[in-house]
Amino acid sequence: MAPADRREVAIERVTGEGLRRHIPDLARLRIQVFRDWPYLYEGDEAYEREYLETYIRSQRAVVVLALDGGRAVGASTALPLADEAAYVTRPFAERGLDIERFFYFGESVLDPTYRGRGIGVRFFEEREAHARSFNRFETACFCAVQRPDSHPMKPKDYVPLDAFWNRRGYAKDPGFLTTFPWRDIGEAEETEKPMAFWFKKL
């Protein structure tokens, strides 16, 4: 078998029940990728499977898959902000914003052996094209965890993705915050993590 960096990876948009057969691979991939800095996520496969059901239930959601021989090695999620959980929509409601005008980009995860091949760029392009296809959403948004620079688990060679997101046309609003609950590696209980939003006009 050819090394991962030599094999062609197919990019495919999947919606609804078409996602179901990929859920086991995606659950494991999310746990693997989000265990790293800055998320430090102590994953749970049962929770991940239930979380991914959101993208099957939402009629306008999309999951962009990176497929190697039919196996999902990466994924990027998006759905109307109105279909998201209350802890995501809360800061919009507090500002009196119409959540029906926003399309929310959940996350992108990619097996490390497939990185550096432009797949992350394609993830943004495909999600934006999907959002525009409805001719009703004005803004794409996502949020990212805010960890202190002094955190003891921060790698010395860590390069944040801010510059990559800026090149995609996204701007961070540091005052537009919410919190997400999850369990950090080694923790017994979930704690709230600050999340800052990034925005781009569609």
N, C-alpha and C. Protein backbone atom coordinates (compact mmCIF):
# COMPACT_ATOMS: atom_id res chain seq x y z
N MET A 1 0.85 -1.20 0.00
CA MET A 1 0.00 0.00 0.00
C MET A 1 0.89 1.24 0.00
N ALA A 2 0.51 2.23 -0.80
CA ALA A 2 1.30 3.46 -0.89
C ALA A 2 1.20 4.24 0.41
N PRO A 3 2.28 4.99 0.76
CA PRO A 3 2.20 5.84 1.95
C PRO A 3 1.06 6.84 1.82
N ALA A 4 0.54 7.31 2.99
CA ALA A 4 -0.62 8.20 2.99
C ALA A 4 -0.37 9.46 2.19
N ASP A 5 0.87 9.98 2.22
CA ASP A 5 1.12 11.25 1.54
C ASP A 5 1.23 11.10 0.03
N ARG A 6 1.12 9.87 -0.49
CA ARG A 6 1.18 9.65 -1.93
C ARG A 6 -0.16 9.21 -2.52
N ARG A 7 -1.09 8.82 -1.65
CA ARG A 7 -2.38 8.35 -2.13
C ARG A 7 -3.31 9.54 -2.35
N GLU A 8 -4.15 9.42 -3.36
CA GLU A 8 -5.11 10.47 -3.64
C GLU A 8 -6.24 10.41 -2.63
N VAL A 9 -6.61 11.59 -2.14
CA VAL A 9 -7.70 11.69 -1.17
C VAL A 9 -8.89 12.35 -1.86
N ALA A 10 -10.04 11.73 -1.77
CA ALA A 10 -11.25 12.29 -2.35
C ALA A 10 -11.95 13.18 -1.34
N ILE A 11 -12.46 14.31 -1.79
CA ILE A 11 -13.22 15.22 -0.94
C ILE A 11 -14.69 15.12 -1.35
N GLU A 12 -15.54 14.84 -0.38
CA GLU A 12 -16.95 14.58 -0.69
C GLU A 12 -17.84 15.23 0.36
N ARG A 13 -18.90 15.90 -0.10
CA ARG A 13 -19.90 16.43 0.82
C ARG A 13 -20.95 15.35 1.10
N VAL A 14 -21.24 15.16 2.36
CA VAL A 14 -22.21 14.14 2.77
C VAL A 14 -23.28 14.81 3.63
N THR A 15 -24.54 14.43 3.40
CA THR A 15 -25.64 14.97 4.18
C THR A 15 -26.54 13.84 4.67
N GLY A 16 -27.29 14.12 5.73
CA GLY A 16 -28.31 13.20 6.21
C GLY A 16 -27.80 11.80 6.49
N GLU A 17 -28.59 10.82 6.11
CA GLU A 17 -28.27 9.43 6.41
C GLU A 17 -27.01 8.93 5.71
N GLY A 18 -26.56 9.67 4.70
CA GLY A 18 -25.32 9.28 4.03
C GLY A 18 -24.11 9.32 4.95
N LEU A 19 -24.25 10.04 6.06
CA LEU A 19 -23.14 10.15 7.01
C LEU A 19 -23.04 8.94 7.92
N ARG A 20 -24.12 8.20 8.09
CA ARG A 20 -24.18 7.22 9.18
C ARG A 20 -23.05 6.18 9.12
N ARG A 21 -22.74 5.69 7.96
CA ARG A 21 -21.73 4.63 7.89
C ARG A 21 -20.33 5.12 8.26
N HIS A 22 -20.15 6.46 8.25
CA HIS A 22 -18.84 7.01 8.58
C HIS A 22 -18.71 7.38 10.06
N ILE A 23 -19.79 7.30 10.82
CA ILE A 23 -19.76 7.79 12.20
C ILE A 23 -18.71 7.09 13.06
N PRO A 24 -18.53 5.77 13.00
CA PRO A 24 -17.48 5.17 13.83
C PRO A 24 -16.10 5.73 13.54
N ASP A 25 -15.74 5.89 12.25
CA ASP A 25 -14.44 6.46 11.91
C ASP A 25 -14.32 7.89 12.41
N LEU A 26 -15.40 8.67 12.25
CA LEU A 26 -15.35 10.08 12.64
C LEU A 26 -15.27 10.23 14.15
N ALA A 27 -15.97 9.39 14.88
CA ALA A 27 -15.90 9.45 16.35
C ALA A 27 -14.48 9.21 16.82
N ARG A 28 -13.84 8.18 16.28
CA ARG A 28 -12.46 7.88 16.67
C ARG A 28 -11.51 9.00 16.25
N LEU A 29 -11.74 9.57 15.08
CA LEU A 29 -10.87 10.63 14.58
C LEU A 29 -10.98 11.88 15.44
N ARG A 30 -12.20 12.25 15.82
CA ARG A 30 -12.39 13.41 16.69
C ARG A 30 -11.69 13.22 18.03
N ILE A 31 -11.80 12.04 18.59
CA ILE A 31 -11.13 11.77 19.87
C ILE A 31 -9.62 11.90 19.71
N GLN A 32 -9.09 11.35 18.62
CA GLN A 32 -7.64 11.40 18.38
C GLN A 32 -7.15 12.83 18.21
N VAL A 33 -7.79 13.60 17.34
CA VAL A 33 -7.31 14.94 17.01
C VAL A 33 -7.50 15.90 18.17
N PHE A 34 -8.65 15.85 18.82
CA PHE A 34 -8.94 16.81 19.88
C PHE A 34 -8.25 16.47 21.19
N ARG A 35 -7.56 15.35 21.25
CA ARG A 35 -6.75 15.05 22.44
C ARG A 35 -5.51 15.94 22.48
N ASP A 36 -5.09 16.43 21.33
CA ASP A 36 -3.90 17.27 21.24
C ASP A 36 -4.23 18.71 21.68
N TRP A 37 -3.17 19.46 21.97
CA TRP A 37 -3.29 20.89 22.25
C TRP A 37 -3.90 21.59 21.04
N PRO A 38 -4.80 22.56 21.23
CA PRO A 38 -5.17 23.19 22.51
C PRO A 38 -6.44 22.63 23.14
N TYR A 39 -7.02 21.55 22.58
CA TYR A 39 -8.31 21.09 23.14
C TYR A 39 -8.13 20.14 24.32
N LEU A 40 -7.13 19.27 24.27
CA LEU A 40 -6.83 18.39 25.40
C LEU A 40 -8.05 17.60 25.85
N TYR A 41 -8.80 17.13 24.87
CA TYR A 41 -10.12 16.54 25.10
C TYR A 41 -10.01 15.07 25.48
N GLU A 42 -10.57 14.72 26.62
CA GLU A 42 -10.64 13.32 27.06
C GLU A 42 -11.90 12.73 26.45
N GLY A 43 -11.76 12.13 25.27
CA GLY A 43 -12.91 11.76 24.47
C GLY A 43 -13.66 10.54 24.96
N ASP A 44 -14.90 10.47 24.53
CA ASP A 44 -15.79 9.36 24.85
C ASP A 44 -16.53 8.97 23.57
N GLU A 45 -16.33 7.74 23.11
CA GLU A 45 -16.87 7.35 21.81
C GLU A 45 -18.39 7.37 21.76
N ALA A 46 -19.03 6.99 22.86
CA ALA A 46 -20.50 7.01 22.89
C ALA A 46 -21.01 8.43 22.74
N TYR A 47 -20.37 9.38 23.44
CA TYR A 47 -20.77 10.78 23.30
C TYR A 47 -20.56 11.26 21.87
N GLU A 48 -19.43 10.89 21.28
CA GLU A 48 -19.11 11.34 19.93
C GLU A 48 -20.15 10.85 18.93
N ARG A 49 -20.57 9.63 19.06
CA ARG A 49 -21.57 9.08 18.14
C ARG A 49 -22.89 9.85 18.26
N GLU A 50 -23.27 10.18 19.48
CA GLU A 50 -24.51 10.93 19.68
C GLU A 50 -24.36 12.35 19.14
N TYR A 51 -23.20 12.96 19.38
CA TYR A 51 -22.94 14.31 18.87
C TYR A 51 -23.07 14.36 17.35
N LEU A 52 -22.52 13.36 16.68
CA LEU A 52 -22.54 13.35 15.23
C LEU A 52 -23.93 13.12 14.66
N GLU A 53 -24.83 12.58 15.47
CA GLU A 53 -26.21 12.43 15.03
C GLU A 53 -26.84 13.79 14.72
N THR A 54 -26.35 14.85 15.34
CA THR A 54 -26.85 16.21 15.07
C THR A 54 -26.79 16.51 13.59
N TYR A 55 -25.73 16.06 12.93
CA TYR A 55 -25.52 16.37 11.52
C TYR A 55 -26.36 15.48 10.61
N ILE A 56 -26.86 14.40 11.14
CA ILE A 56 -27.82 13.57 10.39
C ILE A 56 -29.21 14.19 10.50
N ARG A 57 -29.54 14.68 11.70
CA ARG A 57 -30.88 15.22 11.93
C ARG A 57 -31.11 16.56 11.27
N SER A 58 -30.08 17.41 11.20
CA SER A 58 -30.23 18.74 10.62
C SER A 58 -30.33 18.63 9.10
N GLN A 59 -31.44 19.06 8.54
CA GLN A 59 -31.69 18.89 7.11
C GLN A 59 -30.76 19.73 6.24
N ARG A 60 -30.18 20.79 6.80
CA ARG A 60 -29.30 21.67 6.01
C ARG A 60 -27.84 21.54 6.40
N ALA A 61 -27.53 20.57 7.23
CA ALA A 61 -26.14 20.35 7.65
C ALA A 61 -25.35 19.66 6.55
N VAL A 62 -24.03 19.78 6.65
CA VAL A 62 -23.14 19.05 5.74
C VAL A 62 -21.91 18.61 6.52
N VAL A 63 -21.39 17.47 6.15
CA VAL A 63 -20.08 17.03 6.62
C VAL A 63 -19.23 16.80 5.38
N VAL A 64 -18.12 17.52 5.31
CA VAL A 64 -17.19 17.37 4.19
C VAL A 64 -16.16 16.32 4.62
N LEU A 65 -16.11 15.24 3.88
CA LEU A 65 -15.23 14.14 4.22
C LEU A 65 -13.99 14.12 3.34
N ALA A 66 -12.87 13.76 3.93
CA ALA A 66 -11.66 13.41 3.19
C ALA A 66 -11.57 11.89 3.23
N LEU A 67 -11.63 11.25 2.07
CA LEU A 67 -11.73 9.80 1.98
C LEU A 67 -10.52 9.21 1.28
N ASP A 68 -9.93 8.23 1.92
CA ASP A 68 -8.84 7.46 1.33
C ASP A 68 -9.35 6.04 1.13
N GLY A 69 -9.65 5.71 -0.12
CA GLY A 69 -10.18 4.39 -0.39
C GLY A 69 -11.51 4.13 0.29
N GLY A 70 -12.30 5.16 0.46
CA GLY A 70 -13.60 5.02 1.11
C GLY A 70 -13.57 5.17 2.61
N ARG A 71 -12.37 5.23 3.20
CA ARG A 71 -12.24 5.39 4.65
C ARG A 71 -12.08 6.86 4.98
N ALA A 72 -12.84 7.35 5.95
CA ALA A 72 -12.77 8.75 6.34
C ALA A 72 -11.48 9.00 7.13
N VAL A 73 -10.62 9.87 6.59
CA VAL A 73 -9.39 10.25 7.28
C VAL A 73 -9.44 11.71 7.73
N GLY A 74 -10.54 12.38 7.42
CA GLY A 74 -10.73 13.76 7.84
C GLY A 74 -12.18 14.14 7.64
N ALA A 75 -12.61 15.16 8.37
CA ALA A 75 -13.99 15.61 8.25
C ALA A 75 -14.10 17.05 8.72
N SER A 76 -15.06 17.76 8.14
CA SER A 76 -15.31 19.14 8.50
C SER A 76 -16.82 19.34 8.51
N THR A 77 -17.35 19.90 9.59
CA THR A 77 -18.79 19.95 9.78
C THR A 77 -19.32 21.38 9.68
N ALA A 78 -20.59 21.49 9.29
CA ALA A 78 -21.24 22.79 9.21
C ALA A 78 -22.75 22.60 9.22
N LEU A 79 -23.45 23.55 9.82
CA LEU A 79 -24.90 23.52 9.86
C LEU A 79 -25.41 24.92 10.19
N PRO A 80 -26.68 25.19 9.93
CA PRO A 80 -27.22 26.49 10.31
C PRO A 80 -27.04 26.73 11.81
N LEU A 81 -26.66 27.94 12.18
CA LEU A 81 -26.46 28.24 13.58
C LEU A 81 -27.73 27.95 14.39
N ALA A 82 -28.89 28.14 13.78
CA ALA A 82 -30.16 27.90 14.48
C ALA A 82 -30.32 26.45 14.90
N ASP A 83 -29.58 25.53 14.29
CA ASP A 83 -29.67 24.11 14.63
C ASP A 83 -28.67 23.70 15.71
N GLU A 84 -27.87 24.66 16.17
CA GLU A 84 -26.84 24.35 17.15
C GLU A 84 -27.37 24.43 18.58
N ALA A 85 -26.55 23.96 19.53
CA ALA A 85 -26.91 23.95 20.94
C ALA A 85 -26.97 25.37 21.49
N ALA A 86 -27.67 25.51 22.62
CA ALA A 86 -27.86 26.82 23.22
C ALA A 86 -26.55 27.48 23.62
N TYR A 87 -25.55 26.71 24.03
CA TYR A 87 -24.29 27.34 24.44
C TYR A 87 -23.52 27.92 23.25
N VAL A 88 -23.87 27.50 22.04
CA VAL A 88 -23.28 28.11 20.85
C VAL A 88 -24.04 29.37 20.46
N THR A 89 -25.34 29.33 20.50
CA THR A 89 -26.16 30.46 20.04
C THR A 89 -26.30 31.55 21.09
N ARG A 90 -25.99 31.28 22.35
CA ARG A 90 -26.22 32.24 23.43
C ARG A 90 -25.65 33.63 23.17
N PRO A 91 -24.38 33.79 22.77
CA PRO A 91 -23.87 35.15 22.60
C PRO A 91 -24.55 35.93 21.47
N PHE A 92 -25.12 35.22 20.49
CA PHE A 92 -25.88 35.88 19.43
C PHE A 92 -27.21 36.40 19.98
N ALA A 93 -27.88 35.55 20.76
CA ALA A 93 -29.14 35.97 21.36
C ALA A 93 -28.94 37.15 22.30
N GLU A 94 -27.85 37.14 23.06
CA GLU A 94 -27.58 38.23 23.99
C GLU A 94 -27.39 39.56 23.28
N ARG A 95 -26.93 39.51 22.03
CA ARG A 95 -26.72 40.73 21.25
C ARG A 95 -27.91 41.06 20.35
N GLY A 96 -28.95 40.26 20.42
CA GLY A 96 -30.12 40.50 19.60
C GLY A 96 -29.93 40.23 18.13
N LEU A 97 -28.97 39.36 17.79
CA LEU A 97 -28.68 39.04 16.39
C LEU A 97 -29.61 37.94 15.89
N ASP A 98 -29.93 37.97 14.63
CA ASP A 98 -30.80 36.98 14.00
C ASP A 98 -29.96 35.76 13.65
N ILE A 99 -30.13 34.69 14.42
CA ILE A 99 -29.28 33.51 14.20
C ILE A 99 -29.59 32.82 12.88
N GLU A 100 -30.74 33.12 12.28
CA GLU A 100 -31.09 32.52 11.00
C GLU A 100 -30.20 33.01 9.86
N ARG A 101 -29.41 34.04 10.10
CA ARG A 101 -28.54 34.60 9.06
C ARG A 101 -27.11 34.03 9.11
N PHE A 102 -26.85 33.17 10.10
CA PHE A 102 -25.49 32.66 10.29
C PHE A 102 -25.42 31.16 10.00
N PHE A 103 -24.32 30.75 9.36
CA PHE A 103 -24.02 29.33 9.16
C PHE A 103 -22.80 29.01 10.02
N TYR A 104 -22.93 27.98 10.84
CA TYR A 104 -21.90 27.67 11.83
C TYR A 104 -21.03 26.51 11.37
N PHE A 105 -19.71 26.73 11.41
CA PHE A 105 -18.75 25.70 11.06
C PHE A 105 -18.25 25.05 12.35
N GLY A 106 -18.63 23.78 12.54
CA GLY A 106 -18.36 23.13 13.80
C GLY A 106 -16.89 22.84 14.07
N GLU A 107 -16.27 22.02 13.26
CA GLU A 107 -14.86 21.67 13.46
C GLU A 107 -14.31 21.02 12.22
N SER A 108 -12.99 21.00 12.13
CA SER A 108 -12.29 20.23 11.11
C SER A 108 -11.29 19.33 11.81
N VAL A 109 -11.30 18.06 11.45
CA VAL A 109 -10.34 17.11 12.00
C VAL A 109 -9.71 16.35 10.83
N LEU A 110 -8.42 16.11 10.94
CA LEU A 110 -7.70 15.45 9.86
C LEU A 110 -6.58 14.61 10.45
N ASP A 111 -6.52 13.36 10.04
CA ASP A 111 -5.43 12.48 10.46
C ASP A 111 -4.10 13.18 10.18
N PRO A 112 -3.20 13.23 11.17
CA PRO A 112 -1.94 13.98 10.98
C PRO A 112 -1.14 13.56 9.76
N THR A 113 -1.23 12.31 9.34
CA THR A 113 -0.43 11.85 8.20
C THR A 113 -0.94 12.41 6.87
N TYR A 114 -2.09 13.07 6.87
CA TYR A 114 -2.66 13.63 5.65
C TYR A 114 -2.59 15.15 5.62
N ARG A 115 -1.92 15.75 6.57
CA ARG A 115 -1.87 17.21 6.64
C ARG A 115 -0.82 17.76 5.67
N GLY A 116 -0.95 19.05 5.37
CA GLY A 116 -0.02 19.70 4.46
C GLY A 116 -0.30 19.46 3.00
N ARG A 117 -1.52 19.03 2.67
CA ARG A 117 -1.87 18.72 1.28
C ARG A 117 -3.03 19.58 0.77
N GLY A 118 -3.36 20.64 1.50
CA GLY A 118 -4.41 21.54 1.06
C GLY A 118 -5.81 21.09 1.43
N ILE A 119 -5.93 20.02 2.21
CA ILE A 119 -7.25 19.51 2.55
C ILE A 119 -8.00 20.48 3.45
N GLY A 120 -7.29 21.15 4.35
CA GLY A 120 -7.93 22.12 5.22
C GLY A 120 -8.55 23.28 4.45
N VAL A 121 -7.87 23.71 3.38
CA VAL A 121 -8.41 24.76 2.52
C VAL A 121 -9.70 24.28 1.85
N ARG A 122 -9.67 23.06 1.33
CA ARG A 122 -10.86 22.49 0.70
C ARG A 122 -12.02 22.40 1.68
N PHE A 123 -11.72 22.07 2.93
CA PHE A 123 -12.78 21.99 3.92
C PHE A 123 -13.54 23.32 4.02
N PHE A 124 -12.81 24.42 4.06
CA PHE A 124 -13.47 25.72 4.13
C PHE A 124 -14.21 26.03 2.84
N GLU A 125 -13.60 25.76 1.70
CA GLU A 125 -14.25 26.05 0.43
C GLU A 125 -15.56 25.29 0.28
N GLU A 126 -15.56 24.02 0.63
CA GLU A 126 -16.75 23.20 0.47
C GLU A 126 -17.86 23.62 1.44
N ARG A 127 -17.50 23.95 2.66
CA ARG A 127 -18.52 24.37 3.62
C ARG A 127 -19.12 25.73 3.21
N GLU A 128 -18.28 26.63 2.76
CA GLU A 128 -18.80 27.93 2.32
C GLU A 128 -19.72 27.77 1.12
N ALA A 129 -19.33 26.92 0.17
CA ALA A 129 -20.18 26.70 -1.00
C ALA A 129 -21.52 26.10 -0.59
N HIS A 130 -21.51 25.20 0.36
CA HIS A 130 -22.76 24.61 0.84
C HIS A 130 -23.63 25.68 1.48
N ALA A 131 -23.06 26.52 2.33
CA ALA A 131 -23.83 27.57 2.99
C ALA A 131 -24.42 28.54 1.97
N ARG A 132 -23.65 28.91 0.95
CA ARG A 132 -24.13 29.85 -0.06
C ARG A 132 -25.25 29.26 -0.91
N SER A 133 -25.29 27.95 -1.01
CA SER A 133 -26.26 27.31 -1.88
C SER A 133 -27.70 27.56 -1.44
N PHE A 134 -27.91 27.97 -0.19
CA PHE A 134 -29.26 28.22 0.30
C PHE A 134 -29.74 29.65 0.01
N ASN A 135 -28.81 30.53 -0.38
CA ASN A 135 -29.15 31.92 -0.73
C ASN A 135 -29.90 32.65 0.39
N ARG A 136 -29.55 32.36 1.62
CA ARG A 136 -30.21 33.05 2.72
C ARG A 136 -29.28 33.37 3.88
N PHE A 137 -28.11 32.74 3.91
CA PHE A 137 -27.17 32.96 5.01
C PHE A 137 -26.17 34.05 4.64
N GLU A 138 -25.93 34.97 5.56
CA GLU A 138 -25.07 36.13 5.28
C GLU A 138 -23.64 35.96 5.79
N THR A 139 -23.47 35.17 6.84
CA THR A 139 -22.18 35.11 7.52
C THR A 139 -21.85 33.69 7.94
N ALA A 140 -20.60 33.29 7.71
CA ALA A 140 -20.09 32.03 8.25
C ALA A 140 -19.35 32.34 9.54
N CYS A 141 -19.43 31.44 10.50
CA CYS A 141 -18.74 31.66 11.76
C CYS A 141 -18.28 30.33 12.35
N PHE A 142 -17.27 30.42 13.19
CA PHE A 142 -16.86 29.27 13.99
C PHE A 142 -16.23 29.82 15.26
N CYS A 143 -15.93 28.95 16.19
CA CYS A 143 -15.26 29.42 17.40
C CYS A 143 -14.12 28.47 17.75
N ALA A 144 -13.16 29.00 18.48
CA ALA A 144 -11.95 28.26 18.85
C ALA A 144 -11.63 28.49 20.31
N VAL A 145 -11.10 27.46 20.95
CA VAL A 145 -10.81 27.54 22.38
C VAL A 145 -9.70 28.55 22.66
N GLN A 146 -9.81 29.22 23.79
CA GLN A 146 -8.82 30.20 24.23
C GLN A 146 -8.09 29.64 25.45
N ARG A 147 -6.87 29.19 25.25
CA ARG A 147 -6.05 28.67 26.34
C ARG A 147 -5.00 29.72 26.73
N PRO A 148 -4.68 29.83 28.01
CA PRO A 148 -3.63 30.77 28.42
C PRO A 148 -2.26 30.33 27.92
N ASP A 149 -1.43 31.30 27.54
CA ASP A 149 -0.07 30.98 27.09
C ASP A 149 0.74 30.26 28.16
N SER A 150 0.37 30.47 29.42
CA SER A 150 1.11 29.87 30.53
C SER A 150 0.67 28.44 30.84
N HIS A 151 -0.26 27.91 30.07
CA HIS A 151 -0.77 26.57 30.35
C HIS A 151 0.38 25.55 30.32
N PRO A 152 0.49 24.70 31.33
CA PRO A 152 1.65 23.78 31.40
C PRO A 152 1.70 22.75 30.28
N MET A 153 0.59 22.49 29.59
CA MET A 153 0.59 21.49 28.53
C MET A 153 0.77 22.09 27.14
N LYS A 154 0.98 23.40 27.06
CA LYS A 154 1.16 24.03 25.75
C LYS A 154 2.54 23.64 25.17
N PRO A 155 2.59 23.05 23.97
CA PRO A 155 3.89 22.70 23.37
C PRO A 155 4.69 23.96 23.03
N LYS A 156 5.98 23.88 23.21
CA LYS A 156 6.83 25.03 22.92
C LYS A 156 6.83 25.40 21.45
N ASP A 157 6.62 24.42 20.58
CA ASP A 157 6.66 24.67 19.14
C ASP A 157 5.27 24.85 18.53
N TYR A 158 4.27 25.07 19.35
CA TYR A 158 2.90 25.18 18.85
C TYR A 158 2.73 26.43 17.99
N VAL A 159 2.13 26.26 16.81
CA VAL A 159 1.81 27.37 15.91
C VAL A 159 0.29 27.45 15.80
N PRO A 160 -0.33 28.52 16.29
CA PRO A 160 -1.79 28.62 16.21
C PRO A 160 -2.26 28.74 14.77
N LEU A 161 -3.53 28.47 14.56
CA LEU A 161 -4.11 28.49 13.22
C LEU A 161 -4.63 29.87 12.81
N ASP A 162 -4.40 30.88 13.62
CA ASP A 162 -4.95 32.21 13.34
C ASP A 162 -4.58 32.71 11.94
N ALA A 163 -3.32 32.56 11.55
CA ALA A 163 -2.89 33.06 10.25
C ALA A 163 -3.59 32.30 9.12
N PHE A 164 -3.75 31.01 9.28
CA PHE A 164 -4.47 30.20 8.29
C PHE A 164 -5.91 30.68 8.15
N TRP A 165 -6.57 30.93 9.27
CA TRP A 165 -7.96 31.39 9.24
C TRP A 165 -8.05 32.79 8.64
N ASN A 166 -7.08 33.65 8.95
CA ASN A 166 -7.06 34.99 8.35
C ASN A 166 -6.95 34.90 6.83
N ARG A 167 -6.12 33.99 6.34
CA ARG A 167 -5.96 33.83 4.90
C ARG A 167 -7.24 33.33 4.24
N ARG A 168 -8.06 32.64 4.98
CA ARG A 168 -9.35 32.19 4.46
C ARG A 168 -10.40 33.30 4.50
N GLY A 169 -10.03 34.47 5.05
CA GLY A 169 -10.94 35.61 5.09
C GLY A 169 -11.69 35.78 6.39
N TYR A 170 -11.33 35.04 7.43
CA TYR A 170 -12.02 35.10 8.71
C TYR A 170 -11.32 36.07 9.65
N ALA A 171 -12.12 36.78 10.44
CA ALA A 171 -11.60 37.71 11.43
C ALA A 171 -12.14 37.34 12.80
N LYS A 172 -11.26 37.39 13.78
CA LYS A 172 -11.64 37.06 15.15
C LYS A 172 -12.24 38.28 15.84
N ASP A 173 -13.33 38.05 16.57
CA ASP A 173 -13.89 39.08 17.43
C ASP A 173 -13.61 38.64 18.87
N PRO A 174 -12.54 39.16 19.50
CA PRO A 174 -12.12 38.65 20.81
C PRO A 174 -13.14 38.90 21.92
N GLY A 175 -14.08 39.82 21.68
CA GLY A 175 -15.11 40.08 22.68
C GLY A 175 -16.36 39.24 22.51
N PHE A 176 -16.41 38.46 21.44
CA PHE A 176 -17.59 37.63 21.13
C PHE A 176 -17.29 36.23 21.62
N LEU A 177 -17.71 35.92 22.84
CA LEU A 177 -17.29 34.70 23.51
C LEU A 177 -18.47 33.86 23.97
N THR A 178 -18.22 32.57 24.07
CA THR A 178 -19.11 31.66 24.76
C THR A 178 -18.24 30.66 25.50
N THR A 179 -18.84 29.65 26.10
CA THR A 179 -18.08 28.58 26.75
C THR A 179 -18.65 27.24 26.32
N PHE A 180 -17.75 26.27 26.18
CA PHE A 180 -18.13 24.88 25.86
C PHE A 180 -17.68 24.00 27.03
N PRO A 181 -18.48 23.03 27.41
CA PRO A 181 -18.06 22.10 28.46
C PRO A 181 -17.43 20.83 27.88
N TRP A 182 -16.28 20.46 28.39
CA TRP A 182 -15.75 19.12 28.12
C TRP A 182 -14.73 18.76 29.19
N ARG A 183 -14.33 17.51 29.19
CA ARG A 183 -13.40 17.00 30.19
C ARG A 183 -11.99 17.00 29.61
N ASP A 184 -11.10 17.72 30.25
CA ASP A 184 -9.71 17.72 29.83
C ASP A 184 -9.04 16.39 30.19
N ILE A 185 -7.94 16.10 29.51
CA ILE A 185 -7.17 14.90 29.80
C ILE A 185 -6.82 14.85 31.29
N GLY A 186 -7.14 13.73 31.91
CA GLY A 186 -6.80 13.55 33.31
C GLY A 186 -7.79 14.14 34.30
N GLU A 187 -8.80 14.85 33.80
CA GLU A 187 -9.79 15.44 34.70
C GLU A 187 -10.95 14.47 34.91
N ALA A 188 -11.57 14.54 36.10
CA ALA A 188 -12.70 13.68 36.42
C ALA A 188 -14.02 14.30 35.98
N GLU A 189 -14.08 15.63 35.90
CA GLU A 189 -15.32 16.33 35.59
C GLU A 189 -15.12 17.29 34.42
N GLU A 190 -16.23 17.60 33.75
CA GLU A 190 -16.20 18.62 32.71
C GLU A 190 -15.99 20.00 33.33
N THR A 191 -15.29 20.86 32.61
CA THR A 191 -15.18 22.27 32.98
C THR A 191 -15.48 23.12 31.75
N GLU A 192 -15.90 24.35 32.00
CA GLU A 192 -16.24 25.25 30.91
C GLU A 192 -14.97 25.86 30.32
N LYS A 193 -14.90 25.87 28.97
CA LYS A 193 -13.75 26.43 28.28
C LYS A 193 -14.19 27.67 27.49
N PRO A 194 -13.45 28.78 27.58
CA PRO A 194 -13.81 29.96 26.79
C PRO A 194 -13.54 29.74 25.31
N MET A 195 -14.48 30.16 24.48
CA MET A 195 -14.40 29.98 23.03
C MET A 195 -14.66 31.33 22.36
N ALA A 196 -13.74 31.75 21.50
CA ALA A 196 -13.89 33.02 20.79
C ALA A 196 -14.34 32.76 19.35
N PHE A 197 -15.20 33.64 18.85
CA PHE A 197 -15.78 33.47 17.51
C PHE A 197 -14.97 34.20 16.44
N TRP A 198 -15.01 33.57 15.24
CA TRP A 198 -14.44 34.13 14.02
C TRP A 198 -15.56 34.25 12.99
N PHE A 199 -15.48 35.29 12.15
CA PHE A 199 -16.58 35.57 11.23
C PHE A 199 -16.06 35.89 9.82
N LYS A 200 -16.91 35.57 8.83
CA LYS A 200 -16.64 35.94 7.43
C LYS A 200 -17.96 36.14 6.73
N LYS A 201 -18.08 37.24 6.00
CA LYS A 201 -19.28 37.47 5.19
C LYS A 201 -19.28 36.51 4.01
N LEU A 202 -20.45 35.91 3.79
CA LEU A 202 -20.58 34.98 2.67
C LEU A 202 -20.96 35.70 1.38
